[in-house]
Amino acid sequence: MRKSKLVKRFKDEAVAVYSIEDGSSNPDLKRYVVSTRDTRDLMNHPEIINCDFTNLMQNGVTNALKGINILERLSCINSKTVNVYHILRGGLNFKVRDALRKAFGYKWHSSSYISSQRVLKEGKFEISEDYYRKFLVPDNATVYTADIVASGVSMDNGLEYISNYLKSKKYNLRNMIFITIGCIEAEKVLEKWHRRFKDVYPGYDRTILIYLEGRFALATPETPLYNCIYDTDLLKNYKFGALLTPEFEHSQFEKMIIALEGCAIYDGGKKGFEPINHIKDILEFWEKQRNTAMEKNLSLWEEYNARFSLDMYFSDIDTLKPGSPELLKEKKSPYWEGLSPEEYNSLYHRFKWLWSDERIEAAQLAGSFNPVCEKKIKYLESLLKL
């Protein structure tokens, strides 16, 4: 696999836009990672649920589209040719239809819907339910769609269906824009369909993949964590393959608990539409963490670095030899390009604000992870009692 890095393309107070660069020679397949305050908040605080969750998502996607527009001029597309393709039910959380209206003033864009539920069969995810379909896609369409992508099965199924629909109508496709909280599987699926779209549709222009906050790593049976769900959990550790925006990494140092969560987003469908069951899922994760913490006598330092490695912030993490903003820039150079010295200085000092020498010393004590688990469990239980 080619080595990827984020290259800063645009940044203002509302949004930061990075392109993923790895030497690929395909100019018509664009890959971006976008960071906004709202999407950082909804990922970092999994207790944000229901309408609060979807409203933050809409705000974040709106600003993401405005940022991408600086580079791609999406607002120039005639909204009568735009269709928002909803993969139910998780895709509803992104509120792309509303975001397009707010970002570009679109008035005439249409919507299509397909249900998609994956199930695990004989070690592989398959689609068990995609019976509900409502399509009205125009000819020569620009299609926007969004979903949380882990294994990529629902995404692949959704793109196959719309391709078959367009074929049955003898329609052409102009552009495909996919917005996701996801992992590299989104690229693998979209690269396959990009090649097909270029082969099948005369005049097909471009495919744009927009990740929110990072291209996360997907948990596998080989992932060295005590508690994770394979082919489901989206992880933040660069050692597992995650590629995070600097803004999202900066936000991990707002609170200790943020980087310790089991998944960057958990189950988006439950978070938006089954909030009680979503909180129960988080509680179940933290109860497993507490049991492991007690059984293994885990330190907070050990578990934190397993989920969000801090080695780049030290000259030598094993001896706790301090680092510096300059050293952080050097270590991050294979992953980030175009950041200013001030951005590295801000990031390094935010890390030092959270991880003082005294806190590191306390976090290294055997058993120090258990009180963190107990506090989180108590909080989640209090939410369920309201």
Protein backbone atom coordinates (compact mmCIF):
# COMPACT_ATOMS: atom_id res chain seq x y z
CA MET A 1 0.00 0.00 0.00
CA ARG A 2 1.25 3.48 -0.90
CA LYS A 3 2.26 5.79 1.96
CA SER A 4 -0.33 8.54 2.38
CA LYS A 5 0.01 12.03 3.81
CA LEU A 6 -2.34 14.96 4.36
CA VAL A 7 -1.51 18.15 2.47
CA LYS A 8 -3.16 21.35 3.68
CA ARG A 9 -5.18 22.99 0.90
CA PHE A 10 -7.41 25.51 2.65
CA LYS A 11 -8.12 26.71 6.16
CA ASP A 12 -10.23 29.41 7.77
CA GLU A 13 -12.03 29.75 11.09
CA ALA A 14 -14.80 27.32 10.09
CA VAL A 15 -13.04 24.54 8.20
CA ALA A 16 -9.69 22.98 7.35
CA VAL A 17 -9.34 21.01 4.11
CA TYR A 18 -6.57 18.51 3.38
CA SER A 19 -6.00 16.35 0.33
CA ILE A 20 -4.72 12.79 0.65
CA GLU A 21 -1.57 12.45 -1.42
CA ASP A 22 0.32 9.21 -2.08
CA GLY A 23 1.70 9.57 -5.60
CA SER A 24 -1.50 8.33 -7.21
CA SER A 25 -1.82 9.45 -10.83
CA ASN A 26 -5.63 9.50 -10.95
CA PRO A 27 -6.59 13.20 -11.16
CA ASP A 28 -10.32 12.51 -11.45
CA LEU A 29 -10.55 10.71 -8.10
CA LYS A 30 -10.15 13.32 -5.38
CA ARG A 31 -9.71 12.39 -1.72
CA TYR A 32 -10.06 14.98 1.01
CA VAL A 33 -10.08 15.01 4.80
CA VAL A 34 -12.02 17.91 6.31
CA SER A 35 -12.12 19.15 9.89
CA THR A 36 -14.77 21.36 11.53
CA ARG A 37 -15.57 22.26 15.12
CA ASP A 38 -18.96 20.54 14.91
CA THR A 39 -17.71 17.22 13.55
CA ARG A 40 -14.91 17.17 16.11
CA ASP A 41 -17.43 17.70 18.88
CA LEU A 42 -19.86 15.01 17.76
CA MET A 43 -17.05 12.44 17.50
CA ASN A 44 -15.22 13.37 20.69
CA HIS A 45 -18.34 13.36 22.86
CA PRO A 46 -20.30 10.18 22.10
CA GLU A 47 -22.99 11.17 24.59
CA ILE A 48 -24.20 13.75 22.02
CA ILE A 49 -27.27 12.00 20.63
CA ASN A 50 -30.43 12.28 18.58
CA CYS A 51 -31.25 15.73 17.16
CA ASP A 52 -28.21 17.34 18.79
CA PHE A 53 -26.04 14.81 16.95
CA THR A 54 -27.67 15.28 13.55
CA ASN A 55 -27.75 19.08 13.87
CA LEU A 56 -24.02 19.16 14.59
CA MET A 57 -23.49 16.85 11.63
CA GLN A 58 -25.46 19.12 9.33
CA ASN A 59 -23.44 22.15 10.46
CA GLY A 60 -20.20 20.24 9.97
CA VAL A 61 -21.12 18.91 6.53
CA THR A 62 -22.26 22.40 5.48
CA ASN A 63 -18.87 23.88 6.39
CA ALA A 64 -17.08 20.91 4.85
CA LEU A 65 -18.87 21.49 1.55
CA LYS A 66 -18.05 25.20 1.66
CA GLY A 67 -14.38 24.35 2.15
CA ILE A 68 -14.32 21.77 -0.63
CA ASN A 69 -16.08 24.29 -2.88
CA ILE A 70 -13.03 26.55 -2.76
CA LEU A 71 -11.14 23.79 -4.56
CA GLU A 72 -13.81 22.01 -6.60
CA ARG A 73 -16.43 24.70 -7.42
CA LEU A 74 -19.33 22.40 -6.60
CA SER A 75 -21.68 25.36 -6.20
CA CYS A 76 -21.51 25.93 -9.95
CA ILE A 77 -23.35 22.65 -10.65
CA ASN A 78 -27.00 23.13 -11.63
CA SER A 79 -29.04 21.89 -8.66
CA LYS A 80 -31.65 20.41 -11.03
CA THR A 81 -29.05 17.74 -11.90
CA VAL A 82 -28.17 17.00 -8.25
CA ASN A 83 -29.53 13.98 -6.39
CA VAL A 84 -28.91 13.19 -2.72
CA TYR A 85 -28.76 9.40 -2.36
CA HIS A 86 -29.62 8.28 1.19
CA ILE A 87 -28.36 4.89 2.34
CA LEU A 88 -30.77 4.15 5.20
CA ARG A 89 -30.60 4.69 7.95
CA GLY A 90 -27.13 5.91 8.82
CA GLY A 91 -26.96 8.18 5.80
CA LEU A 92 -29.80 10.28 7.18
CA ASN A 93 -27.54 11.46 10.00
CA PHE A 94 -25.44 13.53 7.60
CA LYS A 95 -28.40 15.66 6.44
CA VAL A 96 -26.70 16.27 3.10
CA ARG A 97 -29.91 17.56 1.51
CA ASP A 98 -30.12 20.37 4.07
CA ALA A 99 -26.37 21.00 4.01
CA LEU A 100 -26.40 21.56 0.23
CA ARG A 101 -29.17 24.09 0.64
CA LYS A 102 -27.25 25.97 3.33
CA ALA A 103 -23.84 25.71 1.67
CA PHE A 104 -24.75 26.51 -1.94
CA GLY A 105 -28.34 27.71 -1.90
CA TYR A 106 -29.47 24.65 -3.88
CA LYS A 107 -33.22 24.66 -4.50
CA TRP A 108 -33.99 21.94 -7.03
CA HIS A 109 -31.93 18.98 -5.82
CA SER A 110 -33.85 15.70 -5.48
CA SER A 111 -33.51 12.77 -3.07
CA SER A 112 -33.36 8.98 -3.40
CA TYR A 113 -33.42 6.26 -0.74
CA ILE A 114 -32.32 2.67 -0.25
CA SER A 115 -32.31 0.61 2.95
CA SER A 116 -29.14 -1.31 3.72
CA GLN A 117 -28.45 -3.52 6.74
CA ARG A 118 -25.32 -5.62 7.00
CA VAL A 119 -25.09 -8.93 8.89
CA LEU A 120 -22.16 -11.21 9.64
CA LYS A 121 -22.36 -14.57 7.85
CA GLU A 122 -19.55 -17.13 7.96
CA GLY A 123 -17.00 -14.48 8.88
CA LYS A 124 -18.04 -11.96 6.22
CA PHE A 125 -20.49 -9.08 6.21
CA GLU A 126 -23.40 -9.34 3.77
CA ILE A 127 -26.46 -7.23 3.08
CA SER A 128 -29.56 -8.73 4.67
CA GLU A 129 -32.12 -6.05 3.93
CA ASP A 130 -32.32 -3.57 1.06
CA TYR A 131 -35.97 -3.83 0.14
CA TYR A 132 -36.99 -0.20 0.49
CA ARG A 133 -36.01 1.81 -2.60
CA LYS A 134 -37.29 5.14 -3.83
CA PHE A 135 -35.38 6.59 -6.77
CA LEU A 136 -35.78 9.65 -8.95
CA VAL A 137 -32.29 10.34 -10.25
CA PRO A 138 -32.03 12.75 -13.21
CA ASP A 139 -30.01 12.12 -16.34
CA ASN A 140 -26.40 13.38 -16.29
CA ALA A 141 -26.66 13.56 -12.51
CA THR A 142 -24.27 14.66 -9.81
CA VAL A 143 -24.96 12.27 -6.94
CA TYR A 144 -24.16 13.08 -3.34
CA THR A 145 -24.27 10.33 -0.75
CA ALA A 146 -22.96 9.85 2.78
CA ASP A 147 -22.57 7.04 5.26
CA ILE A 148 -20.32 5.73 8.02
CA VAL A 149 -17.99 3.22 6.36
CA ALA A 150 -16.30 0.34 8.18
CA SER A 151 -16.29 -2.85 6.09
CA GLY A 152 -17.62 -1.00 3.04
CA VAL A 153 -20.33 -3.59 2.33
CA SER A 154 -23.29 -1.19 2.56
CA MET A 155 -21.45 1.39 0.48
CA ASP A 156 -20.65 -1.12 -2.25
CA ASN A 157 -24.22 -2.39 -2.30
CA GLY A 158 -25.60 1.13 -2.56
CA LEU A 159 -23.34 2.10 -5.46
CA GLU A 160 -24.16 -1.10 -7.31
CA TYR A 161 -27.86 -0.41 -7.04
CA ILE A 162 -27.62 3.14 -8.35
CA SER A 163 -25.43 1.95 -11.22
CA ASN A 164 -28.06 -0.64 -12.16
CA TYR A 165 -30.79 1.99 -11.90
CA LEU A 166 -28.98 4.38 -14.24
CA LYS A 167 -28.34 1.55 -16.68
CA SER A 168 -32.02 0.58 -16.71
CA LYS A 169 -32.99 4.18 -17.49
CA LYS A 170 -30.15 4.62 -20.01
CA TYR A 171 -29.06 7.66 -18.03
CA ASN A 172 -25.57 9.07 -17.68
CA LEU A 173 -23.72 9.96 -14.49
CA ARG A 174 -21.63 13.13 -14.25
CA ASN A 175 -20.13 13.23 -10.74
CA MET A 176 -20.14 11.16 -7.53
CA ILE A 177 -19.45 12.85 -4.18
CA PHE A 178 -19.26 10.59 -1.12
CA ILE A 179 -19.02 11.97 2.43
CA THR A 180 -18.00 9.65 5.23
CA ILE A 181 -16.74 9.03 8.70
CA GLY A 182 -14.75 5.98 7.76
CA CYS A 183 -11.62 4.07 6.93
CA ILE A 184 -9.61 3.15 3.84
CA GLU A 185 -12.26 0.62 2.80
CA ALA A 186 -14.25 3.62 1.53
CA GLU A 187 -11.44 4.36 -0.93
CA LYS A 188 -11.17 0.77 -2.05
CA VAL A 189 -14.88 0.62 -2.86
CA LEU A 190 -14.97 4.04 -4.50
CA GLU A 191 -11.87 3.40 -6.61
CA LYS A 192 -13.56 0.31 -8.04
CA TRP A 193 -16.72 2.20 -8.91
CA HIS A 194 -14.79 5.21 -10.21
CA ARG A 195 -13.16 2.99 -12.84
CA ARG A 196 -16.54 1.54 -13.81
CA PHE A 197 -18.16 4.96 -14.01
CA LYS A 198 -15.37 6.23 -16.29
CA ASP A 199 -15.79 3.19 -18.54
CA VAL A 200 -19.60 3.20 -18.68
CA TYR A 201 -20.68 6.85 -18.67
CA PRO A 202 -19.57 9.20 -21.47
CA GLY A 203 -18.59 12.53 -20.00
CA TYR A 204 -18.18 11.24 -16.44
CA ASP A 205 -16.15 13.97 -14.76
CA ARG A 206 -14.93 13.17 -11.27
CA THR A 207 -15.33 11.24 -8.05
CA ILE A 208 -14.81 13.06 -4.74
CA LEU A 209 -14.41 11.30 -1.41
CA ILE A 210 -14.68 13.49 1.67
CA TYR A 211 -13.58 12.06 5.02
CA LEU A 212 -14.64 13.92 8.16
CA GLU A 213 -11.76 14.45 10.64
CA GLY A 214 -9.61 11.55 9.53
CA ARG A 215 -9.20 8.38 7.59
CA PHE A 216 -9.54 6.10 10.57
CA ALA A 217 -8.09 2.62 11.06
CA LEU A 218 -10.44 -0.37 11.05
CA ALA A 219 -10.16 -2.89 13.88
CA THR A 220 -9.08 -6.37 12.77
CA PRO A 221 -8.42 -9.66 14.61
CA GLU A 222 -4.74 -8.62 14.66
CA THR A 223 -5.34 -5.23 16.29
CA PRO A 224 -3.44 -5.23 19.62
CA LEU A 225 -6.27 -3.95 21.81
CA TYR A 226 -8.02 -5.78 24.63
CA ASN A 227 -11.53 -4.75 23.61
CA CYS A 228 -12.55 -3.92 20.05
CA ILE A 229 -15.10 -5.08 17.50
CA TYR A 230 -13.47 -6.38 14.34
CA ASP A 231 -14.52 -4.81 11.02
CA THR A 232 -16.61 -2.28 12.94
CA ASP A 233 -14.59 -0.04 15.28
CA LEU A 234 -12.90 2.98 13.72
CA LEU A 235 -9.65 3.64 15.57
CA LYS A 236 -7.44 6.73 15.96
CA ASN A 237 -3.95 5.30 16.45
CA TYR A 238 -1.59 6.11 13.56
CA LYS A 239 0.24 2.84 14.27
CA PHE A 240 -2.90 1.01 13.11
CA GLY A 241 -3.05 3.14 9.94
CA ALA A 242 -5.14 6.13 11.03
CA LEU A 243 -4.50 9.45 9.28
CA LEU A 244 -5.97 12.27 11.39
CA THR A 245 -6.22 15.98 10.71
CA PRO A 246 -4.03 18.17 12.95
CA GLU A 247 -7.19 19.85 14.26
CA PHE A 248 -8.73 16.55 15.28
CA GLU A 249 -5.49 15.44 16.92
CA HIS A 250 -5.37 18.75 18.79
CA SER A 251 -8.91 18.11 20.05
CA GLN A 252 -7.89 14.75 21.54
CA PHE A 253 -6.04 16.71 24.22
CA GLU A 254 -9.13 18.62 25.41
CA LYS A 255 -10.02 15.82 27.86
CA MET A 256 -8.27 12.63 28.89
CA ILE A 257 -11.27 10.43 28.13
CA ILE A 258 -11.61 11.44 24.46
CA ALA A 259 -8.77 9.34 23.08
CA LEU A 260 -9.81 6.35 25.21
CA GLU A 261 -13.20 5.79 23.56
CA GLY A 262 -13.72 2.49 21.80
CA CYS A 263 -14.63 3.94 18.39
CA ALA A 264 -14.35 7.31 16.69
CA ILE A 265 -18.11 7.35 16.09
CA TYR A 266 -19.70 4.10 17.43
CA ASP A 267 -23.00 3.13 15.72
CA GLY A 268 -24.26 6.22 13.89
CA GLY A 269 -27.71 4.76 13.28
CA LYS A 270 -28.25 4.08 16.97
CA LYS A 271 -26.72 7.41 17.96
CA GLY A 272 -29.18 9.29 15.76
CA PHE A 273 -32.29 7.16 16.09
CA GLU A 274 -31.90 4.80 19.09
CA PRO A 275 -30.19 7.03 21.64
CA ILE A 276 -30.91 4.82 24.66
CA ASN A 277 -29.48 1.74 22.96
CA HIS A 278 -26.49 3.79 21.85
CA ILE A 279 -25.68 4.81 25.44
CA LYS A 280 -26.11 1.16 26.50
CA ASP A 281 -23.56 0.15 23.85
CA ILE A 282 -21.03 2.66 25.19
CA LEU A 283 -21.71 1.47 28.72
CA GLU A 284 -21.12 -2.12 27.65
CA PHE A 285 -17.75 -1.16 26.17
CA TRP A 286 -16.65 0.61 29.34
CA GLU A 287 -17.79 -2.26 31.52
CA LYS A 288 -15.56 -4.54 29.44
CA GLN A 289 -12.74 -2.05 29.86
CA ARG A 290 -13.23 -2.01 33.62
CA ASN A 291 -13.13 -5.80 33.78
CA THR A 292 -9.93 -5.84 31.73
CA ALA A 293 -8.42 -3.04 33.82
CA MET A 294 -9.00 -5.05 36.99
CA GLU A 295 -7.88 -8.36 35.52
CA LYS A 296 -4.68 -6.97 33.97
CA ASN A 297 -4.04 -4.28 36.61
CA LEU A 298 -3.69 -1.86 33.69
CA SER A 299 -2.16 1.56 33.96
CA LEU A 300 -3.85 4.51 32.30
CA TRP A 301 -0.61 5.22 30.41
CA GLU A 302 -0.58 1.74 28.89
CA GLU A 303 -4.17 1.83 27.67
CA TYR A 304 -3.98 5.42 26.43
CA ASN A 305 -0.92 4.77 24.28
CA ALA A 306 -2.47 1.57 22.95
CA ARG A 307 -5.38 3.61 21.57
CA PHE A 308 -3.64 6.91 20.82
CA SER A 309 0.13 6.65 20.72
CA LEU A 310 2.03 9.64 22.13
CA ASP A 311 5.49 8.62 20.97
CA MET A 312 5.84 11.51 18.50
CA TYR A 313 5.56 13.99 21.36
CA PHE A 314 8.74 12.67 23.00
CA SER A 315 12.34 12.37 21.96
CA ASP A 316 12.13 8.90 23.51
CA ILE A 317 8.85 7.79 25.03
CA ASP A 318 10.39 4.78 26.80
CA THR A 319 12.59 7.06 28.92
CA LEU A 320 10.10 9.97 28.77
CA LYS A 321 12.77 12.19 27.23
CA PRO A 322 10.91 15.39 26.32
CA GLY A 323 10.19 16.41 22.78
CA SER A 324 9.58 19.83 21.23
CA PRO A 325 7.43 21.48 18.55
CA GLU A 326 10.35 21.23 16.14
CA LEU A 327 10.81 17.51 16.79
CA LEU A 328 7.06 16.96 16.47
CA LYS A 329 7.16 18.61 13.04
CA GLU A 330 10.02 16.35 12.00
CA LYS A 331 8.23 13.19 13.17
CA LYS A 332 4.93 14.24 11.61
CA SER A 333 6.44 15.18 8.23
CA PRO A 334 5.62 11.78 6.63
CA TYR A 335 1.95 12.34 7.56
CA TRP A 336 1.29 16.10 7.30
CA GLU A 337 2.46 18.76 4.86
CA GLY A 338 1.90 22.51 4.80
CA LEU A 339 1.46 23.21 8.52
CA SER A 340 3.00 26.36 9.98
CA PRO A 341 5.43 26.39 12.93
CA GLU A 342 2.66 28.05 14.95
CA GLU A 343 0.36 25.07 14.37
CA TYR A 344 2.96 22.61 15.60
CA ASN A 345 3.69 24.85 18.57
CA SER A 346 -0.02 24.98 19.47
CA LEU A 347 -0.40 21.22 19.13
CA TYR A 348 2.67 20.40 21.21
CA HIS A 349 1.71 22.77 24.02
CA ARG A 350 -1.83 21.43 24.05
CA PHE A 351 -0.36 17.96 24.57
CA LYS A 352 1.80 19.28 27.42
CA TRP A 353 -1.25 20.96 28.96
CA LEU A 354 -3.03 17.61 29.22
CA TRP A 355 0.00 15.42 29.88
CA SER A 356 2.01 17.21 32.54
CA ASP A 357 4.93 15.40 34.15
CA GLU A 358 2.85 14.84 37.27
CA ARG A 359 -0.05 13.34 35.32
CA ILE A 360 2.27 11.05 33.37
CA GLU A 361 3.78 9.81 36.63
CA ALA A 362 0.34 9.09 38.09
CA ALA A 363 -0.86 7.45 34.86
CA GLN A 364 2.00 4.97 34.92
CA LEU A 365 0.94 3.46 38.22
CA ALA A 366 -0.37 -0.10 37.98
CA GLY A 367 -4.16 -0.16 38.23
CA SER A 368 -4.57 3.55 37.41
CA PHE A 369 -6.87 2.83 34.47
CA ASN A 370 -9.61 1.31 36.63
CA PRO A 371 -10.73 4.59 38.29
CA VAL A 372 -11.11 6.13 34.81
CA CYS A 373 -13.42 3.29 33.81
CA GLU A 374 -15.43 3.57 37.02
CA LYS A 375 -15.95 7.30 36.54
CA LYS A 376 -17.10 6.85 32.95
CA ILE A 377 -19.47 4.02 33.89
CA LYS A 378 -21.00 6.09 36.69
CA TYR A 379 -21.62 8.94 34.25
CA LEU A 380 -23.24 6.71 31.60
CA GLU A 381 -25.45 5.04 34.21
CA SER A 382 -26.60 8.46 35.34
CA LEU A 383 -27.69 9.28 31.78
CA LEU A 384 -29.81 6.15 31.59
CA LYS A 385 -31.51 6.99 34.91
CA LEU A 386 -32.68 10.43 33.79
